[in-house]
Every structure is written in C-alpha cells, then in structure tokens.
Amino acid sequence: MELLARDAAILSVAHVSFDGPIAMKKIGILFGQEHSFPPAFVERVNQKTGGKDIVAEFVKIDKVVQGEPCGYDVVIDRISQDVPFYRAWLKNAVLTGTAVVNNPFWWSADEKFFNNALATKIGVAVPRTVLLPSNQPPADTNDKSFRNLAYPMNWEEIFSYVGWPAFFKPFAGGGWKNVYRLHNSEEFFRAYNETGQLVMMLQEEVKFDMYFRCYSIDQRHVRIMPYEPRHPYHLRYQTEWQAPKEILQKVERGVLTLNQYLGYDLNTVEFAIRDGVPVAIDFCNPAPDAEAANVGQANFEWVVEAVSEMATRKAREHKAGCDNLSWGKFMRAAVDKRELSEFA
C-alpha cells in the first residue's frame, strides 16, 4: 500500500495542468516486476524539470494502431525482453519518433555470442568461446534441414580450443538460467543432453584476481562496482577489491568501447581481471538489475541520477517525426560501408 500511495503521488506530478501553449515533452518508463527503480526514476526526472517542459510517468498503453504516435517522446524500456507485445509496441513508437532506451531493433537482433565475436574485432579481451547447435532439432525441422551441419561436430578441436573447466550457457540467455560449469567432456555431453532446443555456447572459464560489474549509461557514464559472482546473489556487491588506478581505467575504457559499438544506452558489463588484463565476461544486459535491495543504496542512487539525466537530455534533443534512436558504431560502419577500425 505504501508503494501504491507513492506511485500515485508521483504520477500526479505528471498530470498538472498548464496555461498557454507549452510544448511538453513526455518521458515514460515501461517496466514489470521492479519495485524501487521505476518510481525513483519518475520522481527524479520530475524533480529535475519541475514539470515545466518535461514530465515523466509510468507508460500507459490503451491501444496500439499502426503508424500512430504512442504519446511519449522518450521511453525507458525495462521489460520488453520478456513481453513480445511490448517489443512490437516500441518498434511502432520508434517509427513515429520516440527515442527508446534501448534501441528495440538492435536489442531484437543481437545476442551474447555475436557480442563476443564483435569484441574480438574492437580490441576488448573476451574468453575463448564457441557456438554449438541445439541438442534437439527445432520444431518443424527434420534431417534434411541440417544438410550443411557436420555430424559429429569436431569435438576434439572444440574442447582443445576452449579448455577445461568451461562454462556452458545459452547463446542468448540471462539470469544464470541453464548455465553449467563443466570439467571434462563426459560432464559436457551429460549437460548437452539436458538442453533440448536451446542453442548453447561453450566458454573458457577465466580465473580472475578481481571482478567488476559496471553500469554504462548514455554511452558516456560508467559506474564500476566491485562484484563477487561466486557469492550468493544478495552478497555479490558486498565486496571490495584493491584495484590499481590503471586497471580501473582499462575497465572504464572497455565498458565505453563495448557500448559505443553495440549502441546500448543502458547496460551492464562484467569484467574479470586476469593477470592485469580486463576480460569481458558478460555485456548483454540491456535491462540490468537496478533494485536498491540488490545493488546497494549508493549504486542505486547513482543509476537513478544517471538514467534520469540521460532521459531528460534525450527529451530536450528529441526531434519530432525523426529517428531518435541510438545506433552503435557497428551499425554505422555497416551502413556507411566502412571498416570498424575507422570508428575507433
């Protein structure tokens, strides 16, 4: 009840009447099961703007008509990865000029294996990783659908390249679902038989000295957070690493490079430090956890402020009827027929 009352108070700010022809910009946040971040974000934006030219609120969808505006100039998307209807709504909104964070077209297209492959081309270290076909064939396929796939795979070369121990995980998953830590080929084949139609990747385990999880906001702001992935989830941020300044500088450069090429305005990047070299472990988190109880109050305050600042900037720079999306250097290089290195 307390949360509902707070939400109602916040939303009331968004419906103040104004005298005169003020061109109001509207920011919406689209979310699901989160509790702390959405209301804090809305409250912070409205505090910043005073409701004079920009207002923030929870997104409200009552109809979706092709080619018609959604009523928002900026939308912060926290849930469309789980709700295909929302993803389709966001793409329609983009067509009519809404700036969506994150770009729903790119978010629909990329996945963890491609991101790793891209990292190898832009100078960011990543674990040795291979892509594997699903153990069970997809629906509506048969043996003829796999004429181009060698069987059996060259397991000897694959295992030699990756090494043991290794992590076995979905190529486009998250939340530590269907993740295995394996020590040999026998464990691998046992796990492989459990994965059904999931497309998986096998990835080298990185033995690290330090580990960091980093918020990346607006492709320009970075929050480096000490993190211990081996701890229970609620304790992972309660750790400290004595990291030299040069290590932290390398981590920050890596975070910015990855997100500038991918085009994500809101993301987290995890770096394991091995022999002084930051190795990017996971950097496909376009709706990263921002719950205060999980990330800690200091990190929560930082991300609320940074995302609010980004949203208000995008609202002020918004151009009606135009493409207001962020497109990464990878896509810009592809469209312009230029080498990735030209964007370094």
Protein backbone atom coordinates (compact mmCIF):
# COMPACT_ATOMS: atom_id res chain seq x y z
CA MET A 1 0.00 0.00 0.00
CA GLU A 2 2.85 2.36 0.78
CA LEU A 3 4.35 1.77 -2.68
CA LEU A 4 0.97 2.33 -4.37
CA ALA A 5 0.48 5.59 -2.50
CA ARG A 6 3.95 6.75 -3.51
CA ASP A 7 3.29 5.80 -7.14
CA ALA A 8 0.05 7.76 -7.15
CA ALA A 9 1.81 10.82 -5.75
CA ILE A 10 4.49 10.59 -8.40
CA LEU A 11 2.01 10.14 -11.22
CA SER A 12 0.03 13.15 -10.06
CA VAL A 13 3.03 15.33 -10.90
CA ALA A 14 2.69 14.18 -14.48
CA HIS A 15 -0.85 15.49 -14.86
CA VAL A 16 -0.53 19.11 -13.76
CA SER A 17 -2.47 21.50 -15.99
CA PHE A 18 -0.57 24.31 -17.65
CA ASP A 19 -1.68 27.63 -19.06
CA GLY A 20 -0.55 28.59 -22.53
CA PRO A 21 0.88 26.62 -25.48
CA ILE A 22 3.76 24.89 -23.73
CA ALA A 23 5.34 22.14 -25.86
CA MET A 24 5.64 19.49 -23.19
CA LYS A 25 7.97 16.55 -23.70
CA LYS A 26 6.83 13.32 -22.11
CA ILE A 27 9.10 10.56 -20.77
CA GLY A 28 7.68 7.15 -19.94
CA ILE A 29 9.13 4.12 -18.22
CA LEU A 30 7.93 0.65 -19.28
CA PHE A 31 8.55 -1.93 -16.58
CA GLY A 32 7.38 -5.16 -14.98
CA GLN A 33 8.13 -6.62 -11.56
CA GLU A 34 10.54 -3.91 -10.36
CA HIS A 35 9.66 -2.01 -7.20
CA SER A 36 12.22 0.68 -6.40
CA PHE A 37 13.75 1.92 -9.64
CA PRO A 38 10.72 3.00 -11.73
CA PRO A 39 9.11 5.29 -9.13
CA ALA A 40 12.50 6.70 -8.13
CA PHE A 41 13.29 7.44 -11.78
CA VAL A 42 9.97 9.20 -12.39
CA GLU A 43 10.31 11.21 -9.20
CA ARG A 44 13.89 12.26 -10.04
CA VAL A 45 13.03 13.41 -13.57
CA ASN A 46 10.09 15.47 -12.33
CA GLN A 47 12.25 16.99 -9.61
CA LYS A 48 14.84 17.96 -12.21
CA THR A 49 12.39 19.52 -14.65
CA GLY A 50 9.80 20.88 -12.22
CA GLY A 51 7.14 19.78 -14.71
CA LYS A 52 7.77 22.92 -16.78
CA ASP A 53 8.80 21.48 -20.15
CA ILE A 54 9.43 17.78 -19.49
CA VAL A 55 7.35 15.36 -17.45
CA ALA A 56 7.88 11.69 -16.60
CA GLU A 57 5.33 8.98 -15.81
CA PHE A 58 4.69 5.25 -15.98
CA VAL A 59 3.83 4.22 -19.53
CA LYS A 60 0.13 3.62 -20.14
CA ILE A 61 -0.97 1.66 -23.25
CA ASP A 62 -4.67 1.52 -24.08
CA LYS A 63 -4.50 0.96 -27.83
CA VAL A 64 -1.84 0.29 -30.47
CA VAL A 65 -2.64 1.47 -34.01
CA GLN A 66 -0.13 1.01 -36.82
CA GLY A 67 1.84 4.15 -37.61
CA GLU A 68 0.22 6.26 -34.88
CA PRO A 69 2.28 8.02 -32.16
CA CYS A 70 2.35 6.44 -28.71
CA GLY A 71 2.27 9.76 -26.85
CA TYR A 72 5.82 9.58 -25.47
CA ASP A 73 8.92 11.36 -26.71
CA VAL A 74 11.26 9.11 -24.69
CA VAL A 75 10.63 5.62 -23.30
CA ILE A 76 12.91 3.74 -20.93
CA ASP A 77 12.29 0.04 -21.63
CA ARG A 78 12.80 -2.37 -18.74
CA ILE A 79 10.55 -5.28 -19.73
CA SER A 80 10.14 -5.90 -23.48
CA GLN A 81 12.71 -8.71 -23.37
CA ASP A 82 10.01 -10.72 -21.58
CA VAL A 83 6.90 -9.37 -23.33
CA PRO A 84 6.87 -9.56 -27.16
CA PHE A 85 3.78 -7.32 -27.29
CA TYR A 86 5.78 -4.51 -25.69
CA ARG A 87 8.65 -5.00 -28.12
CA ALA A 88 6.27 -4.62 -31.08
CA TRP A 89 4.70 -1.54 -29.46
CA LEU A 90 8.13 0.02 -29.03
CA LYS A 91 9.08 -0.52 -32.68
CA ASN A 92 5.86 1.19 -33.76
CA ALA A 93 6.68 4.03 -31.35
CA VAL A 94 10.14 4.40 -32.87
CA LEU A 95 8.60 4.75 -36.32
CA THR A 96 6.71 7.81 -35.09
CA GLY A 97 9.76 9.43 -33.48
CA THR A 98 10.01 8.08 -29.93
CA ALA A 99 13.51 7.76 -28.52
CA VAL A 100 13.58 4.29 -26.92
CA VAL A 101 16.24 3.15 -24.48
CA ASN A 102 17.41 0.63 -25.50
CA ASN A 103 17.05 0.52 -29.28
CA PRO A 104 14.41 -2.24 -29.74
CA PHE A 105 15.62 -3.17 -33.23
CA TRP A 106 19.18 -3.80 -32.12
CA TRP A 107 18.03 -5.49 -28.92
CA SER A 108 15.95 -7.86 -31.07
CA ALA A 109 18.95 -8.65 -33.28
CA ASP A 110 21.99 -9.13 -31.06
CA GLU A 111 22.92 -11.92 -28.68
CA LYS A 112 25.78 -12.92 -26.43
CA PHE A 113 27.76 -14.92 -28.98
CA PHE A 114 27.71 -12.14 -31.58
CA ASN A 115 28.69 -9.60 -28.95
CA ASN A 116 31.68 -11.75 -28.01
CA ALA A 117 32.64 -12.03 -31.67
CA LEU A 118 32.39 -8.26 -32.09
CA ALA A 119 34.62 -7.73 -29.05
CA THR A 120 37.40 -9.70 -30.78
CA LYS A 121 37.34 -7.10 -33.58
CA ILE A 122 37.44 -3.96 -31.43
CA GLY A 123 40.26 -4.76 -29.05
CA VAL A 124 38.34 -5.96 -25.99
CA ALA A 125 39.55 -9.24 -24.46
CA VAL A 126 36.91 -11.99 -24.07
CA PRO A 127 37.05 -15.69 -23.09
CA ARG A 128 37.57 -18.30 -25.80
CA THR A 129 34.04 -19.16 -26.91
CA VAL A 130 32.37 -21.46 -29.46
CA LEU A 131 28.77 -21.69 -30.66
CA LEU A 132 27.03 -25.08 -30.73
CA PRO A 133 23.83 -26.29 -32.41
CA SER A 134 20.92 -27.27 -30.18
CA ASN A 135 20.97 -30.84 -28.92
CA GLN A 136 17.43 -31.40 -30.18
CA PRO A 137 16.29 -30.08 -33.58
CA PRO A 138 13.90 -27.13 -33.64
CA ALA A 139 10.24 -27.77 -34.28
CA ASP A 140 9.20 -28.22 -37.93
CA THR A 141 12.67 -29.43 -38.99
CA ASN A 142 14.00 -32.84 -39.99
CA ASP A 143 17.31 -34.41 -41.04
CA LYS A 144 17.22 -32.58 -44.38
CA SER A 145 17.20 -29.25 -42.53
CA PHE A 146 20.77 -29.93 -41.36
CA ARG A 147 22.50 -30.91 -44.61
CA ASN A 148 25.15 -28.24 -44.03
CA LEU A 149 25.96 -29.33 -40.49
CA ALA A 150 28.75 -31.87 -39.97
CA TYR A 151 27.91 -34.71 -37.65
CA PRO A 152 29.51 -35.39 -35.34
CA MET A 153 30.99 -31.96 -34.62
CA ASN A 154 34.76 -31.76 -34.31
CA TRP A 155 34.55 -32.12 -30.54
CA GLU A 156 38.27 -32.72 -30.09
CA GLU A 157 39.22 -29.36 -31.61
CA ILE A 158 36.37 -27.58 -29.81
CA PHE A 159 37.40 -28.89 -26.39
CA SER A 160 41.08 -28.22 -27.11
CA TYR A 161 40.33 -24.59 -28.05
CA VAL A 162 38.11 -23.80 -25.05
CA GLY A 163 39.86 -25.91 -22.40
CA TRP A 164 38.56 -27.10 -19.02
CA PRO A 165 36.94 -26.02 -16.76
CA ALA A 166 34.42 -24.29 -19.01
CA PHE A 167 31.02 -22.67 -18.78
CA PHE A 168 28.18 -23.98 -20.91
CA LYS A 169 25.34 -21.47 -21.33
CA PRO A 170 22.67 -20.25 -23.78
CA PHE A 171 23.93 -18.01 -26.56
CA ALA A 172 21.08 -15.58 -25.92
CA GLY A 173 20.08 -16.07 -22.31
CA GLY A 174 20.33 -14.35 -18.98
CA GLY A 175 19.68 -14.60 -15.27
CA TRP A 176 22.04 -17.55 -14.87
CA LYS A 177 19.40 -19.87 -16.39
CA ASN A 178 20.66 -23.15 -17.90
CA VAL A 179 24.28 -22.36 -17.00
CA TYR A 180 26.68 -25.24 -16.30
CA ARG A 181 30.25 -25.30 -15.02
CA LEU A 182 31.94 -28.32 -16.58
CA HIS A 183 35.27 -30.08 -16.01
CA ASN A 184 35.55 -32.60 -18.84
CA SER A 185 33.89 -34.00 -21.96
CA GLU A 186 31.83 -36.53 -20.01
CA GLU A 187 30.19 -33.75 -17.99
CA PHE A 188 29.71 -31.77 -21.19
CA PHE A 189 27.76 -34.47 -23.02
CA ARG A 190 25.65 -35.11 -19.95
CA ALA A 191 24.74 -31.42 -19.76
CA TYR A 192 24.30 -31.16 -23.54
CA ASN A 193 21.65 -33.87 -23.40
CA GLU A 194 19.66 -31.74 -20.94
CA THR A 195 19.50 -28.58 -23.05
CA GLY A 196 16.85 -29.60 -25.58
CA GLN A 197 16.34 -26.99 -28.30
CA LEU A 198 18.49 -24.32 -26.63
CA VAL A 199 21.35 -23.02 -28.76
CA MET A 200 24.34 -23.05 -26.44
CA MET A 201 27.88 -21.80 -26.30
CA LEU A 202 30.90 -23.29 -24.56
CA GLN A 203 33.16 -20.71 -22.97
CA GLU A 204 36.53 -20.77 -21.29
CA GLU A 205 36.47 -20.23 -17.53
CA VAL A 206 38.52 -17.17 -16.60
CA LYS A 207 40.47 -17.50 -13.35
CA PHE A 208 40.33 -13.96 -12.02
CA ASP A 209 42.09 -11.87 -9.39
CA MET A 210 39.34 -9.23 -9.24
CA TYR A 211 35.89 -8.85 -10.75
CA PHE A 212 33.75 -5.81 -11.52
CA ARG A 213 30.19 -5.20 -12.66
CA CYS A 214 29.81 -1.84 -14.36
CA TYR A 215 26.80 0.28 -15.22
CA SER A 216 27.09 2.01 -18.58
CA ILE A 217 24.68 4.91 -19.08
CA ASP A 218 24.29 7.03 -22.20
CA GLN A 219 27.48 5.53 -23.70
CA ARG A 220 29.43 8.07 -21.63
CA HIS A 221 28.94 7.42 -17.89
CA VAL A 222 30.41 4.39 -16.10
CA ARG A 223 29.93 3.14 -12.55
CA ILE A 224 32.50 0.47 -11.64
CA MET A 225 31.17 -1.76 -8.86
CA PRO A 226 33.27 -4.41 -7.07
CA TYR A 227 31.43 -7.69 -7.54
CA GLU A 228 31.95 -11.30 -6.47
CA PRO A 229 29.94 -13.66 -8.73
CA ARG A 230 30.85 -16.67 -6.58
CA HIS A 231 28.91 -15.29 -3.60
CA PRO A 232 25.15 -15.72 -3.05
CA TYR A 233 23.29 -13.15 -5.12
CA HIS A 234 22.39 -10.82 -2.23
CA LEU A 235 26.06 -10.64 -1.16
CA ARG A 236 27.74 -10.13 -4.52
CA TYR A 237 28.02 -6.35 -4.22
CA GLN A 238 29.27 -6.55 -0.64
CA THR A 239 32.93 -6.95 -1.51
CA GLU A 240 35.99 -4.80 -2.10
CA TRP A 241 38.94 -5.18 -4.46
CA GLN A 242 42.13 -3.16 -4.08
CA ALA A 243 42.38 -2.28 -7.76
CA PRO A 244 45.21 -0.12 -9.12
CA LYS A 245 44.12 3.03 -10.95
CA GLU A 246 45.40 1.73 -14.29
CA ILE A 247 43.19 -1.37 -14.00
CA LEU A 248 40.11 0.74 -13.35
CA GLN A 249 40.98 2.96 -16.31
CA LYS A 250 41.23 -0.09 -18.57
CA VAL A 251 37.88 -1.34 -17.30
CA GLU A 252 36.22 2.02 -17.97
CA ARG A 253 37.65 2.17 -21.50
CA GLY A 254 36.41 -1.35 -22.16
CA VAL A 255 32.92 -0.56 -20.91
CA LEU A 256 32.66 2.55 -23.11
CA THR A 257 34.11 0.82 -26.17
CA LEU A 258 31.68 -2.09 -25.99
CA ASN A 259 28.61 0.05 -25.53
CA GLN A 260 29.59 2.60 -28.15
CA TYR A 261 29.97 -0.17 -30.73
CA LEU A 262 26.83 -2.02 -29.62
CA GLY A 263 24.81 1.17 -29.28
CA TYR A 264 23.39 0.47 -25.82
CA ASP A 265 22.45 3.49 -23.70
CA LEU A 266 21.73 1.36 -20.63
CA ASN A 267 23.69 -1.80 -19.98
CA THR A 268 25.96 -3.56 -17.53
CA VAL A 269 29.35 -5.04 -18.36
CA GLU A 270 31.17 -7.58 -16.22
CA PHE A 271 34.95 -7.69 -16.30
CA ALA A 272 37.18 -10.35 -14.77
CA ILE A 273 40.76 -9.21 -14.18
CA ARG A 274 43.25 -11.91 -15.18
CA ASP A 275 46.98 -11.13 -14.91
CA GLY A 276 46.22 -7.41 -15.09
CA VAL A 277 44.05 -7.74 -18.21
CA PRO A 278 40.29 -6.97 -18.03
CA VAL A 279 38.37 -9.78 -19.75
CA ALA A 280 34.75 -9.00 -20.64
CA ILE A 281 32.58 -11.84 -19.36
CA ASP A 282 29.01 -10.64 -19.80
CA PHE A 283 27.93 -7.46 -21.56
CA CYS A 284 24.47 -8.11 -23.00
CA ASN A 285 22.29 -6.82 -20.15
CA PRO A 286 20.12 -4.05 -21.67
CA ALA A 287 17.66 -4.18 -18.74
CA PRO A 288 20.14 -4.55 -15.89
CA ASP A 289 19.12 -5.04 -12.29
CA ALA A 290 18.63 -1.69 -10.59
CA GLU A 291 16.71 -2.68 -7.48
CA ALA A 292 18.03 -0.87 -4.41
CA ALA A 293 17.87 -4.00 -2.26
CA ASN A 294 20.07 -5.87 -4.75
CA VAL A 295 22.67 -3.32 -5.88
CA GLY A 296 23.01 -1.29 -2.67
CA GLN A 297 21.83 2.23 -1.94
CA ALA A 298 24.89 4.08 -3.28
CA ASN A 299 24.81 2.26 -6.62
CA PHE A 300 21.03 2.70 -6.78
CA GLU A 301 21.28 6.47 -6.28
CA TRP A 302 23.94 6.70 -8.98
CA VAL A 303 21.93 4.81 -11.60
CA VAL A 304 18.71 6.72 -10.85
CA GLU A 305 20.55 10.01 -11.32
CA ALA A 306 22.42 8.90 -14.45
CA VAL A 307 19.37 7.44 -16.22
CA SER A 308 17.27 10.48 -15.27
CA GLU A 309 19.93 12.80 -16.67
CA MET A 310 20.09 10.78 -19.90
CA ALA A 311 16.31 10.72 -20.31
CA THR A 312 15.93 14.47 -19.84
CA ARG A 313 18.75 15.13 -22.30
CA LYS A 314 17.11 12.89 -24.88
CA ALA A 315 13.78 14.62 -24.32
CA ARG A 316 15.33 18.06 -24.88
CA GLU A 317 17.16 16.88 -28.00
CA HIS A 318 14.15 14.98 -29.35
CA LYS A 319 13.11 15.84 -32.92
CA ALA A 320 9.51 15.04 -33.73
CA GLY A 321 8.96 12.63 -36.61
CA CYS A 322 12.65 11.72 -36.88
CA ASP A 323 14.70 8.68 -35.92
CA ASN A 324 15.72 9.42 -32.34
CA LEU A 325 17.37 6.07 -31.65
CA SER A 326 20.97 5.39 -30.70
CA TRP A 327 22.77 3.29 -33.32
CA GLY A 328 26.13 1.83 -32.40
CA LYS A 329 29.37 2.13 -34.31
CA PHE A 330 28.95 -1.41 -35.65
CA MET A 331 25.70 -0.49 -37.41
CA ARG A 332 27.00 2.87 -38.58
CA ALA A 333 30.07 1.21 -40.07
CA ALA A 334 27.85 -1.33 -41.85
CA VAL A 335 25.56 1.35 -43.31
CA ASP A 336 28.47 3.55 -44.40
CA LYS A 337 30.47 0.57 -45.77
CA ARG A 338 33.42 1.48 -43.57
CA GLU A 339 35.89 -0.55 -41.53
CA LEU A 340 35.19 -0.90 -37.81
CA SER A 341 38.68 0.45 -37.12
CA GLU A 342 37.69 3.79 -38.66
CA PHE A 343 35.33 4.37 -35.73
CA ALA A 344 37.92 3.68 -33.04
